[in-house]
Amino acid sequence: MSECLYDISIERTDGCPTTLADYQGKVLLLVNLSRQCFLTSQCQGLQQLHEVRSAEGLVVLGFPTKDFDHLATGRSRDVSTSAYDDLTFPVFSEITAVDAHKHALYRNLIEARPWATGEGPMRTLLLHADIELYPPPELLWNFEKFLVARDGTVSMRFTPDVEADDWRLLDAIERELRRR
């Protein structure tokens, strides 16, 4: 990785700059969120995962994007942070997670884990819908997940097919929570 994840500047939803330094020593699950996506229901599972495992040191972190909206609809849509008002895990200001303009956070995450676990029917479904996809190692779609160990290393990456209750994600989280 070219930068320490904890040092990369991000923005809170109130517009104030911050970093992930407050989460050092925690197991992090970073997710690119979208309120305009057929996968938005995954927010409920992520919320439940955060509630159940946060006492053990897991923090789910949401990063709203509209990176894929134009691919599915032909136009961009506004991402409202109010769509995430029911979530208790931290949700940050909108960022770009793909292509040449991607935020440094996602550039570092993808560099650390260029390939994702869980490739299921998502890619085929998107291609059958005539949606042009970004080439690997870019994100496949919304709700791709990066698991970050307590020491700040990116331990795993999961495709959008892997939901919050998927055994592969839960097993990886369990392993990271046990590591000290």
Protein backbone atom coordinates (compact mmCIF):
# COMPACT_ATOMS: atom_id res chain seq x y z
CA MET A 1 0.00 0.00 0.00
CA SER A 2 1.28 3.42 -0.81
CA GLU A 3 -0.30 5.12 2.22
CA CYS A 4 -1.29 4.02 5.69
CA LEU A 5 -5.09 3.70 5.68
CA TYR A 6 -5.27 5.52 9.02
CA ASP A 7 -3.59 8.62 7.55
CA ILE A 8 -5.76 9.07 4.45
CA SER A 9 -7.96 12.15 4.62
CA ILE A 10 -11.70 11.51 4.36
CA GLU A 11 -14.69 13.70 5.09
CA ARG A 12 -17.45 13.26 7.62
CA THR A 13 -21.01 13.85 6.47
CA ASP A 14 -20.89 17.32 8.07
CA GLY A 15 -18.03 18.21 5.71
CA CYS A 16 -15.30 18.17 8.35
CA PRO A 17 -12.07 16.42 7.36
CA THR A 18 -11.00 13.40 9.37
CA THR A 19 -9.07 10.14 9.03
CA LEU A 20 -9.58 6.55 10.07
CA ALA A 21 -7.12 7.03 12.95
CA ASP A 22 -9.99 6.85 15.47
CA TYR A 23 -10.50 3.23 14.43
CA GLN A 24 -6.91 2.01 14.91
CA GLY A 25 -6.88 -1.31 16.71
CA LYS A 26 -10.37 -2.22 15.49
CA VAL A 27 -11.38 -4.68 12.78
CA LEU A 28 -12.93 -2.61 10.00
CA LEU A 29 -15.38 -3.54 7.28
CA LEU A 30 -15.40 -0.79 4.63
CA VAL A 31 -18.33 -0.81 2.21
CA ASN A 32 -19.18 1.40 -0.76
CA LEU A 33 -22.85 2.23 -0.23
CA SER A 34 -25.55 3.39 -2.60
CA ARG A 35 -29.13 4.31 -1.86
CA GLN A 36 -30.09 3.97 -5.54
CA CYS A 37 -29.19 0.32 -5.94
CA PHE A 38 -31.00 -3.00 -5.95
CA LEU A 39 -28.52 -4.07 -3.26
CA THR A 40 -29.37 -1.27 -0.81
CA SER A 41 -31.22 -3.80 1.35
CA GLN A 42 -27.74 -5.02 2.36
CA CYS A 43 -27.59 -1.99 4.68
CA GLN A 44 -29.89 -3.84 7.10
CA GLY A 45 -27.54 -6.81 7.31
CA LEU A 46 -24.51 -4.56 7.71
CA GLN A 47 -26.31 -2.68 10.50
CA GLN A 48 -27.11 -5.94 12.27
CA LEU A 49 -23.53 -7.17 11.88
CA HIS A 50 -22.25 -3.90 13.33
CA GLU A 51 -24.65 -4.11 16.28
CA VAL A 52 -23.84 -7.74 17.08
CA ARG A 53 -20.05 -7.59 16.71
CA SER A 54 -19.11 -4.01 17.66
CA ALA A 55 -18.52 -4.90 21.32
CA GLU A 56 -15.84 -7.33 20.09
CA GLY A 57 -14.07 -4.66 18.05
CA LEU A 58 -15.75 -4.71 14.63
CA VAL A 59 -16.66 -1.38 13.04
CA VAL A 60 -18.58 -1.20 9.78
CA LEU A 61 -17.73 1.97 7.83
CA GLY A 62 -19.93 3.19 4.98
CA PHE A 63 -18.71 5.24 2.03
CA PRO A 64 -21.57 6.42 -0.19
CA THR A 65 -20.83 6.53 -3.90
CA LYS A 66 -22.77 7.10 -7.07
CA ASP A 67 -20.11 5.43 -9.18
CA PHE A 68 -22.44 2.87 -10.71
CA ASP A 69 -25.70 4.82 -10.99
CA HIS A 70 -24.93 6.15 -14.48
CA LEU A 71 -24.01 2.67 -15.70
CA ALA A 72 -27.42 1.34 -14.71
CA THR A 73 -29.56 4.36 -15.57
CA GLY A 74 -27.64 6.39 -18.11
CA ARG A 75 -27.50 9.35 -15.70
CA SER A 76 -26.09 10.20 -12.31
CA ARG A 77 -28.27 10.57 -9.23
CA ASP A 78 -27.71 12.52 -6.05
CA VAL A 79 -26.60 10.51 -3.05
CA SER A 80 -28.38 11.72 0.05
CA THR A 81 -26.77 10.94 3.37
CA SER A 82 -30.27 11.04 4.93
CA ALA A 83 -30.82 7.67 3.28
CA TYR A 84 -28.50 6.31 5.94
CA ASP A 85 -30.10 7.98 8.98
CA ASP A 86 -31.19 4.64 10.45
CA LEU A 87 -27.65 3.28 10.43
CA THR A 88 -25.61 3.50 13.62
CA PHE A 89 -22.32 2.59 11.99
CA PRO A 90 -20.25 5.53 10.70
CA VAL A 91 -21.17 6.76 7.23
CA PHE A 92 -18.86 9.29 5.61
CA SER A 93 -19.32 11.83 2.80
CA GLU A 94 -19.66 10.60 -0.74
CA ILE A 95 -16.46 9.55 -2.47
CA THR A 96 -15.44 8.08 -5.81
CA ALA A 97 -14.37 4.45 -5.51
CA VAL A 98 -13.58 3.56 -9.13
CA ASP A 99 -11.74 4.71 -12.23
CA ALA A 100 -9.05 7.35 -12.61
CA HIS A 101 -10.65 9.72 -10.09
CA LYS A 102 -10.98 7.22 -7.25
CA HIS A 103 -10.34 8.45 -3.73
CA ALA A 104 -6.97 7.57 -2.17
CA LEU A 105 -8.73 5.30 0.32
CA TYR A 106 -10.12 3.08 -2.42
CA ARG A 107 -6.94 3.30 -4.47
CA ASN A 108 -5.09 1.84 -1.47
CA LEU A 109 -7.75 -0.78 -0.69
CA ILE A 110 -7.79 -2.04 -4.29
CA GLU A 111 -4.00 -2.00 -4.50
CA ALA A 112 -3.81 -4.12 -1.35
CA ARG A 113 -6.52 -6.58 -2.51
CA PRO A 114 -6.93 -6.49 -6.29
CA TRP A 115 -9.12 -9.62 -6.35
CA ALA A 116 -12.29 -10.30 -4.40
CA THR A 117 -13.73 -13.40 -2.80
CA GLY A 118 -17.27 -14.43 -3.64
CA GLU A 119 -17.68 -14.00 -7.36
CA GLY A 120 -21.21 -15.23 -7.85
CA PRO A 121 -24.00 -14.44 -10.30
CA MET A 122 -23.65 -10.64 -9.94
CA ARG A 123 -21.28 -10.14 -12.88
CA THR A 124 -23.45 -12.29 -15.15
CA LEU A 125 -26.63 -10.47 -14.08
CA LEU A 126 -25.07 -7.08 -14.78
CA LEU A 127 -23.73 -8.18 -18.17
CA HIS A 128 -27.12 -9.65 -19.14
CA ALA A 129 -28.67 -6.28 -18.28
CA ASP A 130 -26.26 -4.70 -20.79
CA ILE A 131 -24.45 -2.81 -18.05
CA GLU A 132 -20.89 -1.97 -18.96
CA LEU A 133 -18.60 -2.91 -16.09
CA TYR A 134 -15.30 -1.47 -14.97
CA PRO A 135 -12.48 -3.95 -15.66
CA PRO A 136 -10.83 -5.78 -12.75
CA PRO A 137 -9.34 -4.94 -10.35
CA GLU A 138 -11.89 -2.09 -10.13
CA LEU A 139 -14.96 -2.64 -7.97
CA LEU A 140 -17.62 -4.77 -9.57
CA TRP A 141 -20.55 -2.80 -8.14
CA ASN A 142 -21.95 -1.20 -5.01
CA PHE A 143 -21.59 -3.00 -1.68
CA GLU A 144 -18.15 -4.42 -2.26
CA LYS A 145 -16.53 -5.04 1.12
CA PHE A 146 -12.95 -4.69 2.39
CA LEU A 147 -11.97 -6.28 5.70
CA VAL A 148 -9.15 -4.49 7.48
CA ALA A 149 -7.24 -6.16 10.32
CA ARG A 150 -6.48 -4.46 13.64
CA ASP A 151 -2.99 -3.60 12.38
CA GLY A 152 -4.36 -1.71 9.37
CA THR A 153 -3.63 -4.32 6.72
CA VAL A 154 -6.36 -5.17 4.23
CA SER A 155 -6.97 -8.85 4.90
CA MET A 156 -9.80 -9.64 2.46
CA ARG A 157 -12.06 -8.21 -0.21
CA PHE A 158 -15.56 -9.47 -0.94
CA THR A 159 -17.76 -8.96 -3.99
CA PRO A 160 -21.28 -7.51 -3.69
CA ASP A 161 -22.57 -11.10 -3.91
CA VAL A 162 -21.25 -11.68 -0.39
CA GLU A 163 -23.85 -10.31 2.00
CA ALA A 164 -23.40 -9.56 5.71
CA ASP A 165 -24.63 -13.01 6.76
CA ASP A 166 -22.47 -14.96 4.27
CA TRP A 167 -20.36 -17.59 6.02
CA ARG A 168 -17.20 -16.51 4.17
CA LEU A 169 -17.46 -12.96 5.46
CA LEU A 170 -18.48 -14.04 8.96
CA ASP A 171 -15.61 -16.54 9.11
CA ALA A 172 -13.07 -13.90 8.01
CA ILE A 173 -14.43 -11.40 10.56
CA GLU A 174 -14.25 -14.03 13.30
CA ARG A 175 -10.60 -14.80 12.44
CA GLU A 176 -9.68 -11.10 12.53
CA LEU A 177 -11.50 -10.49 15.80
CA ARG A 178 -9.59 -13.37 17.43
CA ARG A 179 -6.22 -12.01 16.28
CA ARG A 180 -4.62 -9.58 18.69
